[in-house]
Amino acid sequence: MKSEALPKRSQRRIRRSLFEAFLDACGDHGKSKVIVTDGDGKTFTYADLMRASFALSAPIKNATAADDTIGILLPTGAGAVISLLSIHAAGRTPAMLNFTAGIKNLKAAVKTAPLKTVITARKFVEIGGLSTLIEDLSEVVNIIYLEDLKEKLGLGGKIRAVLGPAFPKLFAPRSSADEAAIILFTSGTEGNPKGVVLTHSNILANIEQIEEHVQLEETDIFFNPLPTFHCYGLTAGTLWPIFSGHPVVLHPSPLQTKTIAKRIFKTRSTVLFATDTFLQQYMRASVDGGLSSLRIAVCGAERVREETRKTAEERFSFEVLEGYGVTECAPVLAANQPGDIRAGTIGKMLPGIETRLEPVPGLEDAGCLWVRGPNIMKGYISPDNPGQVIPLNEGWHDTGDVVSVDAEGYFVIRGRIKRFAKIGGEMVSLTVVENCAAALWPDHTHAAAIVPDPRRGEQIVLITDHPDPKRAELMRWAQTHGVPEISVPKKIVTVNSVPVLGTGKLDYVSVTKLAVKATAPKKTR
């Protein structure tokens, strides 16, 4: 199955480097235009970003080798944007590092890329309480601080800061659209994190695909609190608005719910990037009308609940678009569209994406989704072979997600292939389990996990922050809504808070540990 092709104009525009696309945006929209608002309210024009990028590229070049990949360990903000652009201006490749992943995963990422240098900021380390993490990380990589780079500009940096914006094509490196542009890392939930190599063309193609799929208005202002070490926060939430000329308000953490609600109101932002869980929190933290400037909220990483859409429409009059993507696809693959929201679906595939469904034993009306298109990664870097890109077979990528699709081309996510329990020979989706709990108890967060069962092979445990969840209530709800009894978890465990990753996704590794602990036989004295 193949979606409509990208327009020829878009096909031409993806044959550039990211830095060339940035320079073109500066020219197209005017260097004096304010394009980024940082977490502290400081604003940056295209000219500001251009000067800083050319200036810092000089000390970066001096401190690294021509073929180096350089890590970025920074929160969402102007610092991360300038670091990424500066690394590209220096002719190097950036790798985005997840500072919430823990030192083990960070060291694994450093080894996998591999990295010799990581850029961070003293202010960020101090505010984030990351001194110990940086100290441990410095054992395997050279740490460079943004504050020090500014002091080491030298004559070369000052010349580039002045002449670079005046003659950008003369000072910009020439990179092939098919070269590695950014390295991101998988979560490491199934072992050490793998490197995902995205080319310049991959990222620019996804931006063109999103722009064709979701029509913007000239007055749109973006608000992005999602991390730039996650592809969704990087491509859709940061690079898309900057390259398309729409001002973007960046926020360093999606967890600051009250502050974010106030900043959206203050900046009159119209397009918000979030997850369903975060959006629910922002709406609860906002007084009525507080998010009324929003036109749309684009949610990914998890299913959008009907309660979320209802609250957004009734209290604040904006639409919630559910999207779907994976890091390996730069990342967006499908999304609902303004005015065409099919609840329970992820909408249609973006232009230029080819799909096929591989059969899954035990499921007749769904299959495992494979995709191919201009936004699909160059390949993985395995921890076993650092720096070596393993290309895809004929360009096809296995998403690992089980989906179904209707006659009109709307896709429904049935769950991760690894998140199906086999109970008494039947396949049960953990996503269905979570959806049932969310429908019955919409004001709480729920996560399902699989644990061994001596009699039936596997059993399902539901972890929830509901203070008094009754299994009998969930059973009655399932029976009255046509959900098989087998989908009702055998055990429900209440916790103070359901574990969440820094990306906003549920932390299923921690959830599973809680489930295993809850079902472990009690030791007798």
Protein backbone atom coordinates (compact mmCIF):
# COMPACT_ATOMS: atom_id res chain seq x y z
CA MET A 1 0.00 0.00 0.00
CA LYS A 2 1.42 3.37 -0.96
CA SER A 3 0.35 6.87 0.04
CA GLU A 4 0.36 9.75 -2.43
CA ALA A 5 3.79 10.89 -3.56
CA LEU A 6 5.54 13.98 -2.26
CA PRO A 7 5.14 16.95 -4.63
CA LYS A 8 8.09 17.55 -6.95
CA ARG A 9 8.89 20.82 -5.18
CA SER A 10 9.25 18.90 -1.91
CA GLN A 11 11.37 16.24 -3.58
CA ARG A 12 13.79 18.96 -4.68
CA ARG A 13 13.83 20.62 -1.24
CA ILE A 14 14.95 17.45 0.54
CA ARG A 15 18.15 17.33 -1.53
CA ARG A 16 19.92 19.76 0.83
CA SER A 17 21.76 19.59 4.12
CA LEU A 18 20.06 20.70 7.33
CA PHE A 19 22.35 23.72 7.58
CA GLU A 20 21.56 24.70 3.99
CA ALA A 21 17.85 24.42 4.83
CA PHE A 22 18.39 26.68 7.83
CA LEU A 23 20.25 29.27 5.73
CA ASP A 24 17.50 29.15 3.11
CA ALA A 25 14.91 29.74 5.86
CA CYS A 26 16.90 32.79 7.02
CA GLY A 27 16.75 34.19 3.51
CA ASP A 28 13.13 33.26 2.85
CA HIS A 29 11.69 34.67 6.08
CA GLY A 30 14.09 37.52 6.84
CA LYS A 31 17.09 37.52 9.16
CA SER A 32 15.42 40.00 11.50
CA LYS A 33 12.46 37.75 12.21
CA VAL A 34 12.17 36.49 15.80
CA ILE A 35 12.00 32.72 15.39
CA VAL A 36 12.89 31.19 18.80
CA THR A 37 11.76 32.12 22.31
CA ASP A 38 13.77 30.38 25.01
CA GLY A 39 12.63 29.04 28.36
CA ASP A 40 13.62 32.26 30.13
CA GLY A 41 11.72 34.39 27.64
CA LYS A 42 14.80 35.54 25.70
CA THR A 43 14.14 35.81 21.97
CA PHE A 44 16.38 34.96 19.03
CA THR A 45 16.10 36.14 15.44
CA TYR A 46 17.34 34.14 12.47
CA ALA A 47 20.35 36.48 12.43
CA ASP A 48 21.09 35.71 16.11
CA LEU A 49 21.05 31.97 15.45
CA MET A 50 23.15 32.39 12.32
CA ARG A 51 25.82 34.51 14.04
CA ALA A 52 26.04 32.17 17.02
CA SER A 53 26.23 29.08 14.81
CA PHE A 54 29.03 30.42 12.61
CA ALA A 55 30.92 31.81 15.62
CA LEU A 56 30.83 28.64 17.72
CA SER A 57 31.70 26.46 14.74
CA ALA A 58 35.28 27.79 14.92
CA PRO A 59 36.18 26.51 18.43
CA ILE A 60 34.25 23.30 17.73
CA LYS A 61 36.38 22.69 14.63
CA ASN A 62 39.53 23.42 16.62
CA ALA A 63 38.59 20.97 19.38
CA THR A 64 37.52 18.05 17.16
CA ALA A 65 38.55 16.04 14.11
CA ALA A 66 36.89 16.29 10.70
CA ASP A 67 35.01 12.98 10.96
CA ASP A 68 33.96 13.32 14.61
CA THR A 69 30.45 12.84 15.91
CA ILE A 70 29.73 15.23 18.78
CA GLY A 71 27.20 14.59 21.52
CA ILE A 72 24.69 17.22 22.69
CA LEU A 73 23.55 16.89 26.29
CA LEU A 74 21.14 19.80 26.71
CA PRO A 75 17.46 20.46 27.42
CA THR A 76 15.05 21.82 24.83
CA GLY A 77 16.02 25.44 24.23
CA ALA A 78 18.06 27.87 22.20
CA GLY A 79 21.28 26.30 23.51
CA ALA A 80 20.41 22.94 21.97
CA VAL A 81 19.38 24.57 18.67
CA ILE A 82 22.57 26.65 18.46
CA SER A 83 24.74 23.66 19.40
CA LEU A 84 23.16 21.51 16.67
CA LEU A 85 23.54 24.23 14.02
CA SER A 86 27.11 25.03 15.14
CA ILE A 87 28.15 21.39 14.86
CA HIS A 88 26.72 21.29 11.34
CA ALA A 89 28.42 24.59 10.49
CA ALA A 90 31.69 23.00 11.64
CA GLY A 91 31.14 20.06 9.29
CA ARG A 92 30.61 17.57 12.12
CA THR A 93 27.68 15.28 13.00
CA PRO A 94 25.61 15.81 16.17
CA ALA A 95 24.29 12.99 18.37
CA MET A 96 21.43 13.83 20.74
CA LEU A 97 21.89 12.36 24.23
CA ASN A 98 19.12 11.59 26.71
CA PHE A 99 20.21 13.08 30.05
CA THR A 100 17.36 11.21 31.81
CA ALA A 101 18.58 7.79 30.63
CA GLY A 102 21.14 7.24 33.42
CA ILE A 103 24.91 6.92 33.23
CA LYS A 104 24.86 3.29 32.03
CA ASN A 105 22.84 4.09 28.91
CA LEU A 106 24.79 7.32 28.31
CA LYS A 107 28.12 5.51 28.39
CA ALA A 108 26.68 2.86 26.07
CA ALA A 109 25.57 5.59 23.64
CA VAL A 110 29.04 7.20 23.77
CA LYS A 111 30.61 3.84 22.91
CA THR A 112 28.09 3.02 20.16
CA ALA A 113 28.27 6.28 18.14
CA PRO A 114 31.23 6.48 19.05
CA LEU A 115 31.74 9.89 20.68
CA LYS A 116 34.89 11.62 21.84
CA THR A 117 33.27 14.95 22.73
CA VAL A 118 30.01 16.01 24.38
CA ILE A 119 28.69 19.58 24.54
CA THR A 120 26.65 20.70 27.55
CA ALA A 121 26.24 23.87 29.66
CA ARG A 122 27.35 24.61 33.22
CA LYS A 123 24.06 26.37 33.97
CA PHE A 124 22.09 23.30 32.87
CA VAL A 125 24.29 20.93 34.90
CA GLU A 126 23.87 23.11 37.98
CA ILE A 127 20.10 23.61 37.69
CA GLY A 128 19.52 19.97 36.78
CA GLY A 129 21.69 18.62 39.59
CA LEU A 130 23.74 16.64 37.07
CA SER A 131 27.23 17.18 38.50
CA THR A 132 27.71 13.52 39.42
CA LEU A 133 26.41 12.37 36.04
CA ILE A 134 28.81 14.69 34.19
CA GLU A 135 31.69 13.62 36.41
CA ASP A 136 31.01 9.95 35.60
CA LEU A 137 30.52 10.70 31.90
CA SER A 138 33.83 12.61 31.74
CA GLU A 139 35.59 9.28 32.39
CA VAL A 140 34.82 8.18 28.82
CA VAL A 141 34.39 11.43 26.86
CA ASN A 142 35.68 15.00 26.72
CA ILE A 143 33.10 17.43 28.12
CA ILE A 144 32.91 20.88 26.50
CA TYR A 145 30.76 23.63 28.01
CA LEU A 146 28.95 26.20 25.89
CA GLU A 147 30.18 28.91 28.24
CA ASP A 148 33.80 27.93 27.49
CA LEU A 149 33.20 27.81 23.73
CA LYS A 150 32.08 31.43 23.83
CA GLU A 151 35.32 32.41 25.58
CA LYS A 152 37.41 30.51 23.02
CA LEU A 153 36.00 32.13 19.90
CA GLY A 154 39.34 33.64 18.94
CA LEU A 155 39.88 35.64 15.79
CA GLY A 156 38.52 32.85 13.59
CA GLY A 157 35.24 32.68 15.46
CA LYS A 158 34.81 36.45 15.40
CA ILE A 159 35.49 36.58 11.67
CA ARG A 160 32.98 33.78 11.02
CA ALA A 161 30.41 35.54 13.24
CA VAL A 162 30.68 38.67 11.08
CA LEU A 163 31.27 37.27 7.61
CA GLY A 164 29.26 34.05 7.93
CA PRO A 165 25.85 35.76 7.99
CA ALA A 166 26.95 38.13 5.20
CA PHE A 167 28.30 35.36 2.95
CA PRO A 168 26.66 32.18 4.32
CA LYS A 169 27.20 29.99 1.27
CA LEU A 170 30.92 30.80 1.37
CA PHE A 171 31.37 29.70 5.00
CA ALA A 172 28.89 26.84 5.15
CA PRO A 173 30.27 23.30 4.69
CA ARG A 174 29.11 21.29 1.71
CA SER A 175 27.35 18.13 2.84
CA SER A 176 25.53 15.51 0.80
CA ALA A 177 21.83 15.10 1.51
CA ASP A 178 22.48 11.38 1.97
CA GLU A 179 25.14 11.80 4.66
CA ALA A 180 24.42 11.25 8.34
CA ALA A 181 22.82 14.42 9.77
CA ILE A 182 21.90 13.35 13.29
CA ILE A 183 22.32 10.26 15.44
CA LEU A 184 19.61 9.45 17.96
CA PHE A 185 19.40 6.48 20.30
CA THR A 186 16.72 3.93 21.05
CA SER A 187 15.53 3.79 24.65
CA GLY A 188 17.67 0.77 25.58
CA THR A 189 14.69 -1.06 27.10
CA GLU A 190 15.78 -4.29 25.43
CA GLY A 191 19.51 -4.06 26.02
CA ASN A 192 22.05 -1.36 25.21
CA PRO A 193 20.68 1.51 23.10
CA LYS A 194 21.20 1.32 19.34
CA GLY A 195 22.19 4.33 17.29
CA VAL A 196 19.64 5.51 14.72
CA VAL A 197 21.34 7.28 11.81
CA LEU A 198 19.13 9.84 10.07
CA THR A 199 20.39 11.59 6.95
CA HIS A 200 19.80 15.23 6.03
CA SER A 201 17.31 14.03 3.43
CA ASN A 202 15.46 11.82 5.95
CA ILE A 203 14.75 14.72 8.30
CA LEU A 204 13.94 17.25 5.59
CA ALA A 205 11.64 14.72 3.92
CA ASN A 206 9.72 14.24 7.14
CA ILE A 207 9.36 18.00 7.56
CA GLU A 208 8.02 18.26 4.00
CA GLN A 209 5.67 15.31 4.63
CA ILE A 210 4.29 16.86 7.83
CA GLU A 211 3.81 20.22 6.12
CA GLU A 212 1.89 18.60 3.27
CA HIS A 213 -0.27 16.63 5.72
CA VAL A 214 -1.03 19.28 8.37
CA GLN A 215 -1.83 22.68 6.93
CA LEU A 216 -0.52 25.61 8.97
CA GLU A 217 -1.76 29.18 9.17
CA GLU A 218 0.58 32.14 8.68
CA THR A 219 -0.08 33.32 12.23
CA ASP A 220 0.71 29.99 13.92
CA ILE A 221 3.10 30.05 16.88
CA PHE A 222 4.50 26.71 18.05
CA PHE A 223 5.03 25.65 21.67
CA ASN A 224 7.41 22.74 22.26
CA PRO A 225 8.18 21.38 25.73
CA LEU A 226 9.26 17.95 24.44
CA PRO A 227 12.95 16.91 24.62
CA THR A 228 15.14 17.35 21.57
CA PHE A 229 16.90 14.07 22.36
CA HIS A 230 13.60 12.51 21.23
CA CYS A 231 12.98 12.66 17.48
CA TYR A 232 9.42 13.97 17.85
CA GLY A 233 10.56 16.96 19.90
CA LEU A 234 13.50 17.53 17.55
CA THR A 235 12.00 17.22 14.06
CA ALA A 236 8.36 18.22 14.53
CA GLY A 237 8.67 20.42 17.60
CA THR A 238 11.86 22.32 16.77
CA LEU A 239 13.23 22.01 13.22
CA TRP A 240 9.86 22.11 11.45
CA PRO A 241 8.85 25.55 12.77
CA ILE A 242 12.35 27.03 12.37
CA PHE A 243 12.68 25.80 8.79
CA SER A 244 9.10 26.80 7.88
CA GLY A 245 9.30 30.29 9.36
CA HIS A 246 6.88 29.84 12.27
CA PRO A 247 8.03 31.20 15.65
CA VAL A 248 8.58 28.48 18.23
CA VAL A 249 8.50 28.81 22.01
CA LEU A 250 10.83 26.24 23.57
CA HIS A 251 10.50 24.95 27.12
CA PRO A 252 13.18 22.88 28.91
CA SER A 253 10.94 20.26 30.55
CA PRO A 254 7.47 18.84 29.82
CA LEU A 255 7.01 18.18 33.54
CA GLN A 256 6.54 21.83 34.57
CA THR A 257 2.80 21.72 34.03
CA LYS A 258 1.69 24.96 35.70
CA THR A 259 4.51 26.99 34.15
CA ILE A 260 3.80 25.57 30.69
CA ALA A 261 0.09 26.41 30.90
CA LYS A 262 0.97 29.99 31.85
CA ARG A 263 3.59 30.31 29.07
CA ILE A 264 1.18 29.05 26.41
CA PHE A 265 -1.29 31.73 27.50
CA LYS A 266 1.38 34.46 27.69
CA THR A 267 2.96 33.69 24.29
CA ARG A 268 -0.43 33.15 22.57
CA SER A 269 0.87 29.91 21.09
CA THR A 270 -1.45 28.13 18.64
CA VAL A 271 0.23 24.75 18.00
CA LEU A 272 1.29 22.56 20.93
CA PHE A 273 3.34 19.37 20.88
CA ALA A 274 2.64 16.94 23.71
CA THR A 275 1.67 13.45 24.75
CA ASP A 276 -1.83 12.62 25.93
CA THR A 277 -0.62 12.38 29.54
CA PHE A 278 1.15 15.75 29.45
CA LEU A 279 -1.74 17.48 27.66
CA GLN A 280 -4.16 16.26 30.34
CA GLN A 281 -1.87 17.75 32.99
CA TYR A 282 -1.56 21.10 31.16
CA MET A 283 -5.32 21.38 30.85
CA ARG A 284 -5.83 20.59 34.55
CA ALA A 285 -3.22 23.22 35.47
CA SER A 286 -4.88 25.90 33.35
CA VAL A 287 -7.80 28.07 34.38
CA ASP A 288 -10.72 28.06 31.98
CA GLY A 289 -9.66 29.86 28.83
CA GLY A 290 -6.00 29.64 29.77
CA LEU A 291 -5.18 27.54 26.70
CA SER A 292 -7.71 29.28 24.49
CA SER A 293 -5.03 30.55 22.11
CA LEU A 294 -4.36 26.98 20.94
CA ARG A 295 -5.70 25.92 17.57
CA ILE A 296 -4.36 22.36 17.61
CA ALA A 297 -2.40 20.08 19.93
CA VAL A 298 -0.45 17.32 18.20
CA CYS A 299 -0.03 14.30 20.46
CA GLY A 300 2.20 11.29 19.91
CA ALA A 301 3.99 8.52 21.84
CA GLU A 302 0.73 7.16 23.30
CA ARG A 303 -2.96 6.79 22.50
CA VAL A 304 -5.10 9.91 22.78
CA ARG A 305 -8.04 9.30 25.12
CA GLU A 306 -11.50 10.49 24.13
CA GLU A 307 -11.69 12.38 27.44
CA THR A 308 -8.67 14.42 26.35
CA ARG A 309 -10.32 15.46 23.09
CA LYS A 310 -13.56 16.26 24.87
CA THR A 311 -11.89 18.46 27.49
CA ALA A 312 -9.82 20.28 24.83
CA GLU A 313 -12.88 21.02 22.73
CA GLU A 314 -15.32 21.93 25.51
CA ARG A 315 -13.01 23.93 27.79
CA PHE A 316 -10.52 25.45 25.37
CA SER A 317 -11.95 25.03 21.82
CA PHE A 318 -8.92 23.39 20.17
CA GLU A 319 -8.52 20.12 18.27
CA VAL A 320 -6.28 17.25 19.37
CA LEU A 321 -4.53 15.46 16.52
CA GLU A 322 -3.21 11.99 17.28
CA GLY A 323 -0.03 11.18 15.41
CA TYR A 324 2.21 8.16 15.15
CA GLY A 325 5.89 7.72 14.46
CA VAL A 326 9.09 5.99 15.42
CA THR A 327 12.63 7.33 15.77
CA GLU A 328 13.79 5.29 12.79
CA CYS A 329 11.35 7.22 10.56
CA ALA A 330 12.50 10.73 11.52
CA PRO A 331 9.85 10.17 13.17
CA VAL A 332 6.31 10.92 11.89
CA LEU A 333 4.52 8.29 9.81
CA ALA A 334 0.82 9.09 10.20
CA ALA A 335 -1.47 11.66 11.80
CA ASN A 336 -5.05 12.81 11.98
CA GLN A 337 -5.67 16.11 10.21
CA PRO A 338 -7.52 19.26 11.29
CA GLY A 339 -11.17 18.77 10.42
CA ASP A 340 -10.64 15.05 9.75
CA ILE A 341 -10.19 13.36 13.11
CA ARG A 342 -11.14 9.70 13.31
CA ALA A 343 -11.19 8.85 17.03
CA GLY A 344 -9.26 5.69 17.82
CA THR A 345 -7.12 5.97 14.70
CA ILE A 346 -3.78 7.58 13.91
CA GLY A 347 -5.21 8.91 10.66
CA LYS A 348 -3.65 8.28 7.27
CA MET A 349 -0.03 7.80 6.29
CA LEU A 350 1.96 10.89 5.30
CA PRO A 351 2.79 11.41 1.60
CA GLY A 352 5.54 9.26 0.12
CA ILE A 353 5.29 6.34 2.58
CA GLU A 354 4.85 2.78 1.41
CA THR A 355 3.45 0.20 3.85
CA ARG A 356 2.96 -3.53 4.11
CA LEU A 357 1.46 -5.68 6.87
CA GLU A 358 3.14 -8.93 7.84
CA PRO A 359 0.82 -11.61 9.33
CA VAL A 360 0.85 -12.15 13.11
CA PRO A 361 -0.14 -15.64 14.31
CA GLY A 362 -3.36 -15.46 16.29
CA LEU A 363 -4.52 -12.16 14.74
CA GLU A 364 -6.64 -12.30 11.60
CA ASP A 365 -7.52 -8.64 11.05
CA ALA A 366 -4.14 -6.99 11.75
CA GLY A 367 -0.47 -7.32 10.95
CA CYS A 368 2.99 -6.05 11.83
CA LEU A 369 3.66 -2.72 10.08
CA TRP A 370 6.65 -2.39 7.75
CA VAL A 371 7.38 0.97 6.09
CA ARG A 372 9.55 2.40 3.31
CA GLY A 373 10.02 5.98 2.17
CA PRO A 374 12.33 9.04 1.98
CA ASN A 375 12.13 9.64 5.76
CA ILE A 376 13.22 6.12 6.76
CA MET A 377 16.64 6.00 8.45
CA LYS A 378 19.93 5.16 6.80
CA GLY A 379 20.39 2.35 9.32
CA TYR A 380 21.33 1.31 12.84
CA ILE A 381 24.63 1.47 14.64
CA SER A 382 24.91 -1.62 16.80
CA PRO A 383 26.67 -1.55 20.19
CA ASP A 384 28.62 -4.57 18.92
CA ASN A 385 30.04 -2.62 15.95
CA PRO A 386 30.52 1.01 17.05
CA GLY A 387 30.31 3.58 14.26
CA GLN A 388 29.34 1.03 11.60
CA VAL A 389 25.99 1.73 9.93
CA ILE A 390 23.92 -1.39 9.23
CA PRO A 391 21.73 -0.51 6.21
CA LEU A 392 18.12 -1.61 5.81
CA ASN A 393 17.17 -4.43 3.49
CA GLU A 394 15.75 -2.75 0.35
CA GLY A 395 14.81 0.27 2.48
CA TRP A 396 12.14 -1.51 4.54
CA HIS A 397 11.86 -0.95 8.31
CA ASP A 398 9.94 -3.18 10.72
CA THR A 399 8.20 -0.80 13.15
CA GLY A 400 7.38 -3.60 15.60
CA ASP A 401 3.80 -2.27 15.85
CA VAL A 402 0.69 -4.31 15.10
CA VAL A 403 -1.86 -2.28 13.14
CA SER A 404 -5.09 -2.62 11.22
CA VAL A 405 -6.25 -0.40 8.36
CA ASP A 406 -9.72 0.26 6.99
CA ALA A 407 -10.85 0.60 3.39
CA GLU A 408 -10.36 4.39 3.49
CA GLY A 409 -6.73 4.14 4.63
CA TYR A 410 -7.11 5.05 8.32
CA PHE A 411 -4.71 3.14 10.56
CA VAL A 412 -5.34 1.82 14.08
CA ILE A 413 -2.49 0.86 16.41
CA ARG A 414 -3.27 -2.45 18.09
CA GLY A 415 -0.06 -2.51 20.14
CA ARG A 416 3.61 -3.39 20.03
CA ILE A 417 4.24 -6.93 18.81
CA LYS A 418 6.18 -7.46 22.05
CA ARG A 419 3.22 -6.17 24.06
CA PHE A 420 0.88 -9.03 23.29
CA ALA A 421 0.42 -11.66 25.99
CA LYS A 422 -0.19 -15.28 25.02
CA ILE A 423 -2.70 -16.65 27.49
CA GLY A 424 -4.00 -20.17 27.00
CA GLY A 425 -3.00 -19.98 23.33
CA GLU A 426 -4.81 -16.67 22.68
CA MET A 427 -3.16 -13.33 21.87
CA VAL A 428 -4.15 -10.43 24.16
CA SER A 429 -3.05 -6.84 23.51
CA LEU A 430 -1.81 -4.94 26.55
CA THR A 431 -2.95 -1.77 24.80
CA VAL A 432 -6.55 -3.05 24.93
CA VAL A 433 -6.13 -3.72 28.65
CA GLU A 434 -4.87 -0.16 29.23
CA ASN A 435 -7.65 1.31 27.08
CA CYS A 436 -10.32 -0.50 29.10
CA ALA A 437 -8.86 0.81 32.37
CA ALA A 438 -8.61 4.33 30.92
CA ALA A 439 -12.24 4.23 29.79
CA LEU A 440 -13.44 3.14 33.24
CA TRP A 441 -11.07 5.32 35.27
CA PRO A 442 -10.22 8.25 32.93
CA ASP A 443 -8.66 10.48 35.59
CA HIS A 444 -5.83 8.07 36.31
CA THR A 445 -2.79 6.59 34.53
CA HIS A 446 -2.60 2.87 33.80
CA ALA A 447 0.07 0.53 32.40
CA ALA A 448 -0.16 -3.20 31.75
CA ALA A 449 2.68 -5.71 31.98
CA ILE A 450 3.21 -9.40 31.28
CA VAL A 451 4.53 -11.77 33.93
CA PRO A 452 4.96 -15.57 33.80
CA ASP A 453 2.04 -17.76 34.86
CA PRO A 454 2.74 -21.39 35.80
CA ARG A 455 -0.67 -22.56 34.55
CA ARG A 456 -1.47 -20.47 31.46
CA GLY A 457 2.00 -19.42 30.31
CA GLU A 458 1.57 -15.68 30.90
CA GLN A 459 -0.68 -13.37 32.91
CA ILE A 460 -1.43 -9.64 32.78
CA VAL A 461 -0.89 -7.27 35.68
CA LEU A 462 -2.27 -3.71 35.64
CA ILE A 463 -0.24 -0.98 37.38
CA THR A 464 -2.31 2.10 38.17
CA ASP A 465 -2.28 5.25 40.28
CA HIS A 466 -5.99 4.76 41.06
CA PRO A 467 -6.22 4.57 44.86
CA ASP A 468 -8.96 1.93 44.96
CA PRO A 469 -9.33 0.04 41.65
CA LYS A 470 -11.74 -2.91 41.88
CA ARG A 471 -11.19 -5.78 39.47
CA ALA A 472 -14.91 -6.62 39.62
CA GLU A 473 -15.73 -3.16 38.21
CA LEU A 474 -13.28 -3.66 35.34
CA MET A 475 -14.73 -7.11 34.68
CA ARG A 476 -18.29 -5.70 34.50
CA TRP A 477 -17.13 -2.92 32.15
CA ALA A 478 -15.46 -5.47 29.87
CA GLN A 479 -18.54 -7.70 29.80
CA THR A 480 -20.88 -4.82 28.91
CA HIS A 481 -18.54 -3.54 26.15
CA GLY A 482 -17.83 -6.82 24.40
CA VAL A 483 -14.26 -7.14 25.66
CA PRO A 484 -13.21 -10.78 26.24
CA GLU A 485 -12.78 -11.78 29.88
CA ILE A 486 -9.25 -12.88 29.06
CA SER A 487 -8.32 -9.19 28.57
CA VAL A 488 -9.14 -8.36 32.19
CA PRO A 489 -5.88 -8.37 34.21
CA LYS A 490 -5.53 -11.09 36.81
CA LYS A 491 -4.06 -8.64 39.31
CA ILE A 492 -4.31 -4.84 39.75
CA VAL A 493 -1.58 -3.01 41.68
CA THR A 494 -1.87 0.56 42.99
CA VAL A 495 1.22 2.80 43.03
CA ASN A 496 1.73 6.45 43.93
CA SER A 497 2.73 7.26 40.34
CA VAL A 498 3.09 5.14 37.22
CA PRO A 499 6.72 5.32 35.95
CA VAL A 500 7.23 7.62 32.96
CA LEU A 501 10.34 8.16 30.80
CA GLY A 502 11.82 11.60 30.08
CA THR A 503 10.19 11.42 26.63
CA GLY A 504 6.73 11.27 28.18
CA LYS A 505 6.23 7.60 27.31
CA LEU A 506 5.36 5.05 29.97
CA ASP A 507 8.45 3.34 31.39
CA TYR A 508 7.48 -0.27 30.72
CA VAL A 509 10.75 -1.67 32.06
CA SER A 510 9.99 -0.18 35.48
CA VAL A 511 6.31 -1.11 35.14
CA THR A 512 7.25 -4.75 34.51
CA LYS A 513 9.55 -4.76 37.54
CA LEU A 514 6.65 -3.53 39.68
CA ALA A 515 4.42 -6.26 38.26
CA VAL A 516 7.00 -8.98 38.87
CA LYS A 517 7.51 -7.80 42.43
CA ALA A 518 3.77 -7.73 43.07
CA THR A 519 3.29 -11.31 41.85
CA ALA A 520 6.42 -12.82 43.42
CA PRO A 521 5.70 -15.55 45.99
CA LYS A 522 5.93 -14.20 49.52
CA LYS A 523 8.90 -15.54 51.42
CA THR A 524 8.12 -17.52 54.54
CA ARG A 525 10.32 -17.49 57.57
